[in-house]
C-alpha atoms as a PDB file:
ATOM      1  CA  MET A   1       8.102 143.366 101.984  1.00  0.00           C
ATOM      2  CA  ALA A   2       6.689 146.229 104.030  1.00  0.00           C
ATOM      3  CA  ASP A   3       8.072 146.808 107.513  1.00  0.00           C
ATOM      4  CA  ASN A   4       4.659 146.414 109.156  1.00  0.00           C
ATOM      5  CA  VAL A   5       3.927 142.967 107.619  1.00  0.00           C
ATOM      6  CA  ILE A   6       4.764 139.971 109.784  1.00  0.00           C
ATOM      7  CA  PRO A   7       5.301 136.685 107.903  1.00  0.00           C
ATOM      8  CA  LEU A   8       3.039 133.865 109.059  1.00  0.00           C
ATOM      9  CA  ARG A   9       5.759 131.228 108.915  1.00  0.00           C
ATOM     10  CA  PRO A  10       9.356 131.722 109.957  1.00  0.00           C
ATOM     11  CA  VAL A  11      12.011 131.244 107.293  1.00  0.00           C
ATOM     12  CA  ARG A  12      13.641 127.864 107.827  1.00  0.00           C
ATOM     13  CA  PRO A  13      16.104 125.870 105.774  1.00  0.00           C
ATOM     14  CA  CYS A  14      14.651 123.644 103.068  1.00  0.00           C
ATOM     15  CA  PRO A  15      14.799 119.996 104.260  1.00  0.00           C
ATOM     16  CA  ILE A  16      16.021 118.900 100.814  1.00  0.00           C
ATOM     17  CA  CYS A  17      18.717 121.413  99.810  1.00  0.00           C
ATOM     18  CA  GLY A  18      19.220 123.689 102.850  1.00  0.00           C
ATOM     19  CA  GLN A  19      18.330 127.023 101.196  1.00  0.00           C
ATOM     20  CA  ASN A  20      15.823 129.347 102.857  1.00  0.00           C
ATOM     21  CA  SER A  21      12.236 128.187 102.463  1.00  0.00           C
ATOM     22  CA  SER A  22       9.739 130.291 100.538  1.00  0.00           C
ATOM     23  CA  GLN A  23       6.188 131.150 101.567  1.00  0.00           C
ATOM     24  CA  ALA A  24       4.767 129.647  98.372  1.00  0.00           C
ATOM     25  CA  PHE A  25       6.375 126.211  98.856  1.00  0.00           C
ATOM     26  CA  HIS A  26       6.771 126.076 102.656  1.00  0.00           C
ATOM     27  CA  PRO A  27       8.676 124.193 104.095  1.00  0.00           C
ATOM     28  CA  PHE A  28      10.572 123.853 100.809  1.00  0.00           C
ATOM     29  CA  CYS A  29      12.418 126.502  98.814  1.00  0.00           C
ATOM     30  CA  SER A  30      10.933 125.626  95.425  1.00  0.00           C
ATOM     31  CA  GLY A  31       8.568 123.357  93.576  1.00  0.00           C
ATOM     32  CA  ARG A  32      11.535 121.222  92.558  1.00  0.00           C
ATOM     33  CA  CYS A  33      12.404 120.379  96.172  1.00  0.00           C
ATOM     34  CA  ALA A  34       8.720 119.738  96.954  1.00  0.00           C
ATOM     35  CA  ASP A  35       8.586 117.304  94.016  1.00  0.00           C
ATOM     36  CA  ILE A  36      11.765 115.551  95.198  1.00  0.00           C
ATOM     37  CA  ASP A  37      10.187 115.072  98.633  1.00  0.00           C
ATOM     38  CA  LEU A  38       6.946 113.760  97.103  1.00  0.00           C
ATOM     39  CA  ASN A  39       8.926 111.291  94.984  1.00  0.00           C
ATOM     40  CA  ARG A  40      10.723 110.047  98.099  1.00  0.00           C
ATOM     41  CA  TRP A  41       7.360 109.455  99.799  1.00  0.00           C
ATOM     42  CA  LEU A  42       5.906 107.656  96.795  1.00  0.00           C
ATOM     43  CA  THR A  43       8.926 105.386  96.281  1.00  0.00           C
ATOM     44  CA  GLY A  44       9.092 104.385  99.960  1.00  0.00           C
ATOM     45  CA  SER A  45      12.347 106.119 100.901  1.00  0.00           C
ATOM     46  CA  TYR A  46      10.797 107.386 104.151  1.00  0.00           C
ATOM     47  CA  VAL A  47       9.609 103.960 105.344  1.00  0.00           C
ATOM     48  CA  ILE A  48      10.373 103.142 108.949  1.00  0.00           C
ATOM     49  CA  PRO A  49      11.436  99.500 109.178  1.00  0.00           C
ATOM     50  CA  ALA A  50       9.301  97.365 111.472  1.00  0.00           C
ATOM     51  CA  GLY A  51      11.005  95.718 114.393  1.00  0.00           C
ATOM     52  CA  THR A  52      10.988  91.969 114.683  1.00  0.00           C
ATOM     53  CA  GLY A  53       9.284  90.916 117.859  1.00  0.00           C
ATOM     54  CA  GLU A  54       9.600  87.608 119.609  1.00  0.00           C
ATOM     55  CA  ASP A  55       5.807  87.346 119.947  1.00  0.00           C
ATOM     56  CA  ASP A  56       5.068  87.426 116.226  1.00  0.00           C
ATOM     57  CA  GLY A  57       2.238  84.902 116.136  1.00  0.00           C
ATOM     58  CA  GLY A  58       0.803  85.811 112.752  1.00  0.00           C
ATOM     59  CA  ASP A  59      -1.175  88.392 110.832  1.00  0.00           C
ATOM     60  CA  ASP A  60      -4.249  88.366 113.097  1.00  0.00           C
ATOM     61  CA  ALA A  61      -5.139  91.659 114.726  1.00  0.00           C
ATOM     62  CA  PRO A  62      -4.539  91.654 118.478  1.00  0.00           C
ATOM     63  CA  GLY A  63      -7.626  91.057 120.590  1.00  0.00           C
ATOM     64  CA  LEU A  64      -9.646  89.373 117.834  1.00  0.00           C
ATOM     65  CA  PRO A  65     -10.463  85.673 117.949  1.00  0.00           C
ATOM     66  CA  ALA A  66      -9.005  83.456 115.268  1.00  0.00           C
ATOM     67  CA  PRO A  67     -11.467  82.491 112.500  1.00  0.00           C
ATOM     68  CA  GLU A  68     -12.990  79.033 112.823  1.00  0.00           C
ATOM     69  CA  ASP A  69     -12.742  76.473 110.003  1.00  0.00           C
ATOM     70  CA  ASP A  70     -16.514  76.174 109.510  1.00  0.00           C
ATOM     71  CA  ASP A  71     -16.789  79.930 108.787  1.00  0.00           C
ATOM     72  CA  ILE A  72     -14.845  79.558 105.561  1.00  0.00           C
END
């Protein structure tokens, strides 16, 4: 790389393997690590568990009236 070229993104460790990230696969170091991350998203590994609240009245959206029986 020329001395007068400033990279747009700083080099950071890959979140999967810890090696330096590359410009082509930022923030990952390679296509392999990008694919591993995508697989984790698609299989639900990054899901944040929902907390159980005491006021769990049902599946109705808050602020909406409950449907009436004659509407069905």
